[in-house]
PDB file of N, CA and C in Angstrom:
ATOM      1  N   MET A   1     -18.808  35.112  26.223  1.00  0.00           N
ATOM      2  CA  MET A   1     -17.490  34.175  26.455  1.00  0.00           C
ATOM      3  C   MET A   1     -18.299  32.889  26.065  1.00  0.00           C
ATOM      4  N   LYS A   2     -19.569  32.358  26.314  1.00  0.00           N
ATOM      5  CA  LYS A   2     -20.004  31.390  25.928  1.00  0.00           C
ATOM      6  C   LYS A   2     -19.874  31.063  24.300  1.00  0.00           C
ATOM      7  N   SER A   3     -19.891  32.039  23.768  1.00  0.00           N
ATOM      8  CA  SER A   3     -19.556  32.288  22.211  1.00  0.00           C
ATOM      9  C   SER A   3     -18.274  31.686  21.607  1.00  0.00           C
ATOM     10  N   ILE A   4     -17.344  32.388  22.138  1.00  0.00           N
ATOM     11  CA  ILE A   4     -16.186  32.228  21.955  1.00  0.00           C
ATOM     12  C   ILE A   4     -15.904  30.543  22.346  1.00  0.00           C
ATOM     13  N   LYS A   5     -16.134  30.039  23.275  1.00  0.00           N
ATOM     14  CA  LYS A   5     -16.025  28.719  23.414  1.00  0.00           C
ATOM     15  C   LYS A   5     -16.666  27.710  22.356  1.00  0.00           C
ATOM     16  N   GLN A   6     -18.096  27.984  22.352  1.00  0.00           N
ATOM     17  CA  GLN A   6     -18.322  27.371  21.148  1.00  0.00           C
ATOM     18  C   GLN A   6     -17.671  27.603  19.732  1.00  0.00           C
ATOM     19  N   LEU A   7     -16.968  28.758  19.282  1.00  0.00           N
ATOM     20  CA  LEU A   7     -16.684  28.856  18.063  1.00  0.00           C
ATOM     21  C   LEU A   7     -15.037  28.059  18.389  1.00  0.00           C
ATOM     22  N   VAL A   8     -14.574  28.064  19.618  1.00  0.00           N
ATOM     23  CA  VAL A   8     -13.071  27.203  19.573  1.00  0.00           C
ATOM     24  C   VAL A   8     -13.394  25.786  19.268  1.00  0.00           C
ATOM     25  N   LEU A   9     -14.808  25.644  19.729  1.00  0.00           N
ATOM     26  CA  LEU A   9     -15.334  24.154  19.927  1.00  0.00           C
ATOM     27  C   LEU A   9     -15.548  23.436  18.474  1.00  0.00           C
ATOM     28  N   ALA A  10     -16.186  24.736  17.655  1.00  0.00           N
ATOM     29  CA  ALA A  10     -16.206  24.167  16.431  1.00  0.00           C
ATOM     30  C   ALA A  10     -14.897  24.271  15.485  1.00  0.00           C
ATOM     31  N   ALA A  11     -14.183  24.725  16.009  1.00  0.00           N
ATOM     32  CA  ALA A  11     -12.965  25.155  14.777  1.00  0.00           C
ATOM     33  C   ALA A  11     -12.019  23.663  15.132  1.00  0.00           C
ATOM     34  N   LEU A  12     -11.858  23.492  16.248  1.00  0.00           N
ATOM     35  CA  LEU A  12     -11.571  21.971  16.810  1.00  0.00           C
ATOM     36  C   LEU A  12     -11.955  20.656  16.340  1.00  0.00           C
ATOM     37  N   CYS A  13     -13.531  20.733  16.257  1.00  0.00           N
ATOM     38  CA  CYS A  13     -14.217  19.571  15.168  1.00  0.00           C
ATOM     39  C   CYS A  13     -14.062  19.839  13.719  1.00  0.00           C
ATOM     40  N   GLY A  14     -14.109  20.622  13.549  1.00  0.00           N
ATOM     41  CA  GLY A  14     -13.784  20.938  11.863  1.00  0.00           C
ATOM     42  C   GLY A  14     -12.335  20.433  11.555  1.00  0.00           C
ATOM     43  N   ALA A  15     -11.138  20.948  12.143  1.00  0.00           N
ATOM     44  CA  ALA A  15      -9.903  20.330  11.842  1.00  0.00           C
ATOM     45  C   ALA A  15      -9.702  18.862  12.148  1.00  0.00           C
ATOM     46  N   ALA A  16     -10.486  18.186  13.361  1.00  0.00           N
ATOM     47  CA  ALA A  16     -10.743  16.986  13.196  1.00  0.00           C
ATOM     48  C   ALA A  16     -10.944  16.315  12.354  1.00  0.00           C
ATOM     49  N   LEU A  17     -11.896  16.551  11.517  1.00  0.00           N
ATOM     50  CA  LEU A  17     -12.893  15.893  10.434  1.00  0.00           C
ATOM     51  C   LEU A  17     -12.027  16.129   9.278  1.00  0.00           C
ATOM     52  N   LEU A  18     -11.160  17.312   9.193  1.00  0.00           N
ATOM     53  CA  LEU A  18     -10.521  17.425   7.773  1.00  0.00           C
ATOM     54  C   LEU A  18      -9.407  16.753   8.300  1.00  0.00           C
ATOM     55  N   SER A  19      -8.779  16.687   9.155  1.00  0.00           N
ATOM     56  CA  SER A  19      -7.546  15.422   9.433  1.00  0.00           C
ATOM     57  C   SER A  19      -7.786  14.032   8.888  1.00  0.00           C
ATOM     58  N   THR A  20      -8.980  13.361   9.337  1.00  0.00           N
ATOM     59  CA  THR A  20      -9.682  12.100   9.365  1.00  0.00           C
ATOM     60  C   THR A  20      -9.660  12.217   7.806  1.00  0.00           C
ATOM     61  N   ALA A  21     -10.389  13.220   7.052  1.00  0.00           N
ATOM     62  CA  ALA A  21     -10.632  12.760   5.765  1.00  0.00           C
ATOM     63  C   ALA A  21      -9.104  12.730   4.540  1.00  0.00           C
ATOM     64  N   SER A  22      -8.279  13.481   5.480  1.00  0.00           N
ATOM     65  CA  SER A  22      -7.115  13.388   4.626  1.00  0.00           C
ATOM     66  C   SER A  22      -6.367  12.319   4.845  1.00  0.00           C
ATOM     67  N   LEU A  23      -6.258  11.524   6.225  1.00  0.00           N
ATOM     68  CA  LEU A  23      -5.544  10.327   6.265  1.00  0.00           C
ATOM     69  C   LEU A  23      -6.364   9.301   5.362  1.00  0.00           C
ATOM     70  N   GLN A  24      -7.925   9.241   5.081  1.00  0.00           N
ATOM     71  CA  GLN A  24      -8.115   8.148   4.438  1.00  0.00           C
ATOM     72  C   GLN A  24      -8.018   8.008   2.944  1.00  0.00           C
ATOM     73  N   ALA A  25      -7.640   9.481   2.309  1.00  0.00           N
ATOM     74  CA  ALA A  25      -7.472   9.445   0.887  1.00  0.00           C
ATOM     75  C   ALA A  25      -6.070   9.191   0.778  1.00  0.00           C
ATOM     76  N   ALA A  26      -5.072   9.189   1.522  1.00  0.00           N
ATOM     77  CA  ALA A  26      -3.993   8.433   1.605  1.00  0.00           C
ATOM     78  C   ALA A  26      -3.354   7.511   1.399  1.00  0.00           C
ATOM     79  N   GLU A  27      -4.441   6.600   1.467  1.00  0.00           N
ATOM     80  CA  GLU A  27      -4.366   5.095   1.874  1.00  0.00           C
ATOM     81  C   GLU A  27      -4.273   4.353   0.685  1.00  0.00           C
ATOM     82  N   ALA A  28      -3.126   3.513   0.308  1.00  0.00           N
ATOM     83  CA  ALA A  28      -2.877   2.871  -1.141  1.00  0.00           C
ATOM     84  C   ALA A  28      -4.391   1.299  -0.907  1.00  0.00           C
ATOM     85  N   LYS A  29      -4.370   1.243  -2.340  1.00  0.00           N
ATOM     86  CA  LYS A  29      -5.468   0.303  -2.589  1.00  0.00           C
ATOM     87  C   LYS A  29      -4.543  -1.099  -1.710  1.00  0.00           C
ATOM     88  N   THR A  30      -4.995  -2.272  -1.768  1.00  0.00           N
ATOM     89  CA  THR A  30      -4.293  -3.197  -1.030  1.00  0.00           C
ATOM     90  C   THR A  30      -5.048  -4.374  -2.023  1.00  0.00           C
ATOM     91  N   TYR A  31      -4.070  -4.881  -2.684  1.00  0.00           N
ATOM     92  CA  TYR A  31      -4.014  -6.422  -3.851  1.00  0.00           C
ATOM     93  C   TYR A  31      -4.023  -7.515  -3.204  1.00  0.00           C
ATOM     94  N   GLN A  32      -3.951  -8.647  -3.775  1.00  0.00           N
ATOM     95  CA  GLN A  32      -3.652  -9.794  -3.464  1.00  0.00           C
ATOM     96  C   GLN A  32      -3.322 -10.763  -4.618  1.00  0.00           C
ATOM     97  N   VAL A  33      -2.366 -11.735  -4.202  1.00  0.00           N
ATOM     98  CA  VAL A  33      -2.182 -13.004  -5.274  1.00  0.00           C
ATOM     99  C   VAL A  33      -2.037 -14.128  -4.451  1.00  0.00           C
ATOM    100  N   THR A  34      -2.473 -15.201  -5.009  1.00  0.00           N
ATOM    101  CA  THR A  34      -2.774 -16.315  -4.546  1.00  0.00           C
ATOM    102  C   THR A  34      -2.147 -17.533  -5.219  1.00  0.00           C
ATOM    103  N   GLY A  35      -1.058 -18.201  -4.767  1.00  0.00           N
ATOM    104  CA  GLY A  35      -0.582 -19.627  -5.577  1.00  0.00           C
ATOM    105  C   GLY A  35       0.494 -20.297  -4.712  1.00  0.00           C
ATOM    106  N   PRO A  36       1.164 -21.245  -5.319  1.00  0.00           N
ATOM    107  CA  PRO A  36       2.101 -22.151  -4.420  1.00  0.00           C
ATOM    108  C   PRO A  36       3.209 -21.233  -4.513  1.00  0.00           C
ATOM    109  N   VAL A  37       3.864 -21.277  -3.905  1.00  0.00           N
ATOM    110  CA  VAL A  37       5.472 -20.467  -3.757  1.00  0.00           C
ATOM    111  C   VAL A  37       6.143 -21.350  -4.537  1.00  0.00           C
ATOM    112  N   LEU A  38       7.447 -20.335  -5.347  1.00  0.00           N
ATOM    113  CA  LEU A  38       8.229 -21.166  -6.467  1.00  0.00           C
ATOM    114  C   LEU A  38       9.239 -21.015  -6.022  1.00  0.00           C
ATOM    115  N   GLU A  39       9.471 -20.090  -5.211  1.00  0.00           N
ATOM    116  CA  GLU A  39      10.980 -19.651  -4.795  1.00  0.00           C
ATOM    117  C   GLU A  39      10.873 -18.642  -3.158  1.00  0.00           C
ATOM    118  N   VAL A  40      11.611 -18.758  -2.742  1.00  0.00           N
ATOM    119  CA  VAL A  40      11.947 -17.988  -1.486  1.00  0.00           C
ATOM    120  C   VAL A  40      13.115 -17.280  -1.322  1.00  0.00           C
ATOM    121  N   THR A  41      13.808 -16.111  -1.270  1.00  0.00           N
ATOM    122  CA  THR A  41      14.973 -15.613  -0.932  1.00  0.00           C
ATOM    123  C   THR A  41      14.940 -14.536   0.006  1.00  0.00           C
ATOM    124  N   PRO A  42      15.910 -14.289   0.683  1.00  0.00           N
ATOM    125  CA  PRO A  42      15.748 -13.117   1.837  1.00  0.00           C
ATOM    126  C   PRO A  42      14.946 -11.479   1.765  1.00  0.00           C
ATOM    127  N   THR A  43      15.096 -11.951   0.193  1.00  0.00           N
ATOM    128  CA  THR A  43      14.229 -10.039  -0.293  1.00  0.00           C
ATOM    129  C   THR A  43      13.255 -10.631  -0.946  1.00  0.00           C
ATOM    130  N   THR A  44      12.800 -11.662  -1.376  1.00  0.00           N
ATOM    131  CA  THR A  44      11.799 -11.590  -2.418  1.00  0.00           C
ATOM    132  C   THR A  44      10.635 -12.979  -2.167  1.00  0.00           C
ATOM    133  N   ILE A  45       9.429 -13.271  -2.739  1.00  0.00           N
ATOM    134  CA  ILE A  45       8.879 -14.345  -2.149  1.00  0.00           C
ATOM    135  C   ILE A  45       8.221 -14.615  -4.011  1.00  0.00           C
ATOM    136  N   THR A  46       8.286 -15.514  -4.274  1.00  0.00           N
ATOM    137  CA  THR A  46       8.052 -15.689  -6.327  1.00  0.00           C
ATOM    138  C   THR A  46       6.807 -17.061  -5.934  1.00  0.00           C
ATOM    139  N   VAL A  47       5.837 -16.892  -6.855  1.00  0.00           N
ATOM    140  CA  VAL A  47       4.239 -17.289  -6.883  1.00  0.00           C
ATOM    141  C   VAL A  47       3.890 -17.757  -7.892  1.00  0.00           C
ATOM    142  N   GLN A  48       3.556 -18.572  -8.127  1.00  0.00           N
ATOM    143  CA  GLN A  48       3.300 -18.862  -9.424  1.00  0.00           C
ATOM    144  C   GLN A  48       1.245 -18.707  -9.450  1.00  0.00           C
ATOM    145  N   LYS A  49       1.148 -17.669 -10.128  1.00  0.00           N
ATOM    146  CA  LYS A  49      -0.196 -17.479 -10.467  1.00  0.00           C
ATOM    147  C   LYS A  49      -0.816 -17.884 -12.017  1.00  0.00           C
ATOM    148  N   GLY A  50      -1.501 -18.948 -12.052  1.00  0.00           N
ATOM    149  CA  GLY A  50      -1.875 -19.537 -13.506  1.00  0.00           C
ATOM    150  C   GLY A  50      -0.382 -19.865 -14.327  1.00  0.00           C
ATOM    151  N   ASP A  51      -0.208 -18.842 -15.459  1.00  0.00           N
ATOM    152  CA  ASP A  51       0.716 -19.217 -16.505  1.00  0.00           C
ATOM    153  C   ASP A  51       1.972 -18.155 -15.734  1.00  0.00           C
ATOM    154  N   GLU A  52       1.484 -17.043 -14.755  1.00  0.00           N
ATOM    155  CA  GLU A  52       2.628 -15.843 -14.439  1.00  0.00           C
ATOM    156  C   GLU A  52       3.598 -16.455 -13.573  1.00  0.00           C
ATOM    157  N   LYS A  53       4.481 -16.145 -12.997  1.00  0.00           N
ATOM    158  CA  LYS A  53       5.488 -15.975 -12.158  1.00  0.00           C
ATOM    159  C   LYS A  53       5.544 -14.681 -11.309  1.00  0.00           C
ATOM    160  N   TRP A  54       4.677 -14.364 -10.098  1.00  0.00           N
ATOM    161  CA  TRP A  54       4.920 -13.045  -9.705  1.00  0.00           C
ATOM    162  C   TRP A  54       6.045 -12.974  -8.653  1.00  0.00           C
ATOM    163  N   GLN A  55       6.988 -12.211  -8.579  1.00  0.00           N
ATOM    164  CA  GLN A  55       7.761 -11.675  -7.717  1.00  0.00           C
ATOM    165  C   GLN A  55       7.972 -10.734  -6.936  1.00  0.00           C
ATOM    166  N   LEU A  56       7.370 -10.648  -5.666  1.00  0.00           N
ATOM    167  CA  LEU A  56       7.240  -9.803  -4.632  1.00  0.00           C
ATOM    168  C   LEU A  56       8.089  -9.576  -3.541  1.00  0.00           C
ATOM    169  N   VAL A  57       8.570  -8.163  -3.433  1.00  0.00           N
ATOM    170  CA  VAL A  57       9.532  -7.615  -2.450  1.00  0.00           C
ATOM    171  C   VAL A  57       8.937  -8.063  -1.046  1.00  0.00           C
ATOM    172  N   ARG A  58      10.025  -8.508  -0.442  1.00  0.00           N
ATOM    173  CA  ARG A  58       9.655  -8.600   1.190  1.00  0.00           C
ATOM    174  C   ARG A  58      10.484  -8.006   2.027  1.00  0.00           C
ATOM    175  N   HIS A  59      10.124  -7.338   3.291  1.00  0.00           N
ATOM    176  CA  HIS A  59      10.908  -6.673   4.192  1.00  0.00           C
ATOM    177  C   HIS A  59      11.028  -7.374   5.390  1.00  0.00           C
ATOM    178  N   LYS A  60      11.956  -7.302   6.143  1.00  0.00           N
ATOM    179  CA  LYS A  60      11.680  -7.737   7.731  1.00  0.00           C
ATOM    180  C   LYS A  60      10.973  -7.685   8.666  1.00  0.00           C
ATOM    181  N   ASN A  61       9.636  -6.773   8.182  1.00  0.00           N
ATOM    182  CA  ASN A  61       8.586  -6.280   9.091  1.00  0.00           C
ATOM    183  C   ASN A  61       7.354  -6.862   7.960  1.00  0.00           C
ATOM    184  N   THR A  62       7.478  -7.549   7.245  1.00  0.00           N
ATOM    185  CA  THR A  62       6.593  -8.427   6.409  1.00  0.00           C
ATOM    186  C   THR A  62       6.097  -9.241   7.115  1.00  0.00           C
ATOM    187  N   LYS A  63       4.508  -9.226   7.593  1.00  0.00           N
ATOM    188  CA  LYS A  63       3.919 -10.221   8.567  1.00  0.00           C
ATOM    189  C   LYS A  63       3.899 -11.466   7.840  1.00  0.00           C
ATOM    190  N   GLY A  64       4.170 -12.428   8.529  1.00  0.00           N
ATOM    191  CA  GLY A  64       4.099 -14.012   8.057  1.00  0.00           C
ATOM    192  C   GLY A  64       5.560 -14.477   6.995  1.00  0.00           C
ATOM    193  N   ALA A  65       6.185 -13.420   6.881  1.00  0.00           N
ATOM    194  CA  ALA A  65       7.163 -13.958   5.764  1.00  0.00           C
ATOM    195  C   ALA A  65       8.437 -14.912   6.271  1.00  0.00           C
ATOM    196  N   ALA A  66       8.289 -15.177   7.195  1.00  0.00           N
ATOM    197  CA  ALA A  66       9.303 -15.750   8.220  1.00  0.00           C
ATOM    198  C   ALA A  66       9.074 -17.295   7.763  1.00  0.00           C
ATOM    199  N   ASP A  67       7.784 -17.764   7.640  1.00  0.00           N
ATOM    200  CA  ASP A  67       7.144 -19.055   7.483  1.00  0.00           C
ATOM    201  C   ASP A  67       6.947 -19.251   6.036  1.00  0.00           C
ATOM    202  N   VAL A  68       7.459 -18.667   5.241  1.00  0.00           N
ATOM    203  CA  VAL A  68       7.037 -18.972   4.080  1.00  0.00           C
ATOM    204  C   VAL A  68       7.937 -19.691   3.611  1.00  0.00           C
ATOM    205  N   LYS A  69       7.432 -21.319   2.706  1.00  0.00           N
ATOM    206  CA  LYS A  69       8.008 -22.240   2.441  1.00  0.00           C
ATOM    207  C   LYS A  69       7.957 -22.717   0.733  1.00  0.00           C
ATOM    208  N   VAL A  70       9.439 -22.997   0.026  1.00  0.00           N
ATOM    209  CA  VAL A  70       8.913 -23.219  -1.151  1.00  0.00           C
ATOM    210  C   VAL A  70       7.945 -24.507  -1.413  1.00  0.00           C
ATOM    211  N   GLY A  71       6.420 -24.423  -2.182  1.00  0.00           N
ATOM    212  CA  GLY A  71       5.660 -25.488  -2.233  1.00  0.00           C
ATOM    213  C   GLY A  71       4.716 -24.813  -1.234  1.00  0.00           C
ATOM    214  N   SER A  72       4.661 -24.211  -0.704  1.00  0.00           N
ATOM    215  CA  SER A  72       3.560 -23.703   0.505  1.00  0.00           C
ATOM    216  C   SER A  72       2.543 -22.983  -0.352  1.00  0.00           C
ATOM    217  N   ASN A  73       0.819 -22.948  -0.388  1.00  0.00           N
ATOM    218  CA  ASN A  73       0.701 -22.381  -1.014  1.00  0.00           C
ATOM    219  C   ASN A  73      -0.084 -20.949  -0.121  1.00  0.00           C
ATOM    220  N   VAL A  74       0.007 -19.769  -0.844  1.00  0.00           N
ATOM    221  CA  VAL A  74      -0.002 -18.467  -0.123  1.00  0.00           C
ATOM    222  C   VAL A  74      -1.238 -17.683  -0.328  1.00  0.00           C
ATOM    223  N   THR A  75      -1.353 -16.907   0.104  1.00  0.00           N
ATOM    224  CA  THR A  75      -1.930 -15.591  -0.347  1.00  0.00           C
ATOM    225  C   THR A  75      -1.205 -14.129   0.220  1.00  0.00           C
ATOM    226  N   ILE A  76      -0.802 -13.392  -0.696  1.00  0.00           N
ATOM    227  CA  ILE A  76       0.251 -12.474  -0.367  1.00  0.00           C
ATOM    228  C   ILE A  76      -0.615 -10.916  -0.841  1.00  0.00           C
ATOM    229  N   TYR A  77      -0.517 -10.187   0.177  1.00  0.00           N
ATOM    230  CA  TYR A  77      -1.292  -8.856   0.250  1.00  0.00           C
ATOM    231  C   TYR A  77      -0.170  -8.028   0.088  1.00  0.00           C
ATOM    232  N   TYR A  78      -0.531  -6.964  -1.027  1.00  0.00           N
ATOM    233  CA  TYR A  78       0.376  -5.932  -1.386  1.00  0.00           C
ATOM    234  C   TYR A  78      -0.180  -4.751  -1.999  1.00  0.00           C
ATOM    235  N   GLN A  79       0.485  -3.553  -2.122  1.00  0.00           N
ATOM    236  CA  GLN A  79       0.380  -2.249  -2.256  1.00  0.00           C
ATOM    237  C   GLN A  79       1.301  -1.697  -3.668  1.00  0.00           C
ATOM    238  N   MET A  80       0.666  -1.322  -4.472  1.00  0.00           N
ATOM    239  CA  MET A  80       1.639  -0.458  -5.379  1.00  0.00           C
ATOM    240  C   MET A  80       2.129   1.072  -4.600  1.00  0.00           C
ATOM    241  N   VAL A  81       3.460   0.747  -5.170  1.00  0.00           N
ATOM    242  CA  VAL A  81       3.963   1.760  -4.652  1.00  0.00           C
ATOM    243  C   VAL A  81       5.043   2.385  -5.579  1.00  0.00           C
ATOM    244  N   ALA A  82       4.920   3.999  -5.466  1.00  0.00           N
ATOM    245  CA  ALA A  82       5.618   4.669  -6.747  1.00  0.00           C
ATOM    246  C   ALA A  82       7.122   4.832  -5.960  1.00  0.00           C
ATOM    247  N   THR A  83       8.184   4.357  -6.445  1.00  0.00           N
ATOM    248  CA  THR A  83       9.568   4.682  -6.146  1.00  0.00           C
ATOM    249  C   THR A  83      10.346   5.831  -6.722  1.00  0.00           C
ATOM    250  N   GLU A  84       9.813   5.934  -8.135  1.00  0.00           N
ATOM    251  CA  GLU A  84      10.463   7.280  -8.621  1.00  0.00           C
ATOM    252  C   GLU A  84       9.537   7.847  -9.981  1.00  0.00           C
ATOM    253  N   VAL A  85       9.743   8.770 -10.196  1.00  0.00           N
ATOM    254  CA  VAL A  85       8.514   9.879 -10.979  1.00  0.00           C
ATOM    255  C   VAL A  85       9.736  10.361 -12.038  1.00  0.00           C
ATOM    256  N   GLU A  86       9.418  10.217 -13.308  1.00  0.00           N
ATOM    257  CA  GLU A  86      10.006  11.053 -14.083  1.00  0.00           C
ATOM    258  C   GLU A  86       9.210  11.569 -15.268  1.00  0.00           C
ATOM    259  N   MET A  87       9.717  12.834 -15.409  1.00  0.00           N
ATOM    260  CA  MET A  87       8.667  13.980 -16.241  1.00  0.00           C
ATOM    261  C   MET A  87       8.929  13.744 -17.394  1.00  0.00           C
ATOM    262  N   LYS A  88       8.455  13.787 -18.334  1.00  0.00           N
ATOM    263  CA  LYS A  88       8.675  13.896 -19.624  1.00  0.00           C
ATOM    264  C   LYS A  88       7.652  15.308 -20.504  1.00  0.00           C
ATOM    265  N   ASP A  89       8.403  15.881 -21.118  1.00  0.00           N
ATOM    266  CA  ASP A  89       7.916  17.271 -21.897  1.00  0.00           C
ATOM    267  C   ASP A  89       6.823  16.527 -22.886  1.00  0.00           C
ATOM    268  N   ALA A  90       5.985  17.094 -22.912  1.00  0.00           N
ATOM    269  CA  ALA A  90       4.702  16.986 -23.631  1.00  0.00           C
ATOM    270  C   ALA A  90       4.879  17.415 -25.033  1.00  0.00           C
ATOM    271  N   LYS A  91       4.416  16.646 -25.926  1.00  0.00           N
ATOM    272  CA  LYS A  91       4.622  16.906 -27.788  1.00  0.00           C
ATOM    273  C   LYS A  91       3.929  17.946 -27.859  1.00  0.00           C
ATOM    274  N   PRO A  92       4.382  19.013 -28.804  1.00  0.00           N
ATOM    275  CA  PRO A  92       3.733  20.233 -28.717  1.00  0.00           C
ATOM    276  C   PRO A  92       3.154  19.619 -29.639  1.00  0.00           C
ATOM    277  N   LYS A  93       1.861  20.644 -30.163  1.00  0.00           N
ATOM    278  CA  LYS A  93       0.522  20.408 -30.732  1.00  0.00           C
ATOM    279  C   LYS A  93       0.595  20.942 -32.012  1.00  0.00           C
ATOM    280  N   LYS A  94       0.152  20.116 -33.515  1.00  0.00           N
ATOM    281  CA  LYS A  94       0.303  21.142 -34.527  1.00  0.00           C
ATOM    282  C   LYS A  94      -0.264  21.803 -34.457  1.00  0.00           C
TER     283      LYS A  94
END
């Protein structure tokens, strides 16, 4: 009876370790852009970074987005998210 309990406990521990490892692998890398705000719309924030203008999408649940005003210096944290994947046929080798 004792060995069955140990076996069940070992299986539960193994499952817990596997589930936490898979959760960490699924997290996307976070990036940031810093600069003055050029434009704010209900759905975007545009930031000047050097010579480039970065336009980032904002959602109603984006933290701190309600307080952003044109001219403010901000740091925006973002993740790259795939929205569509299109498959292309591989070119045949000669």
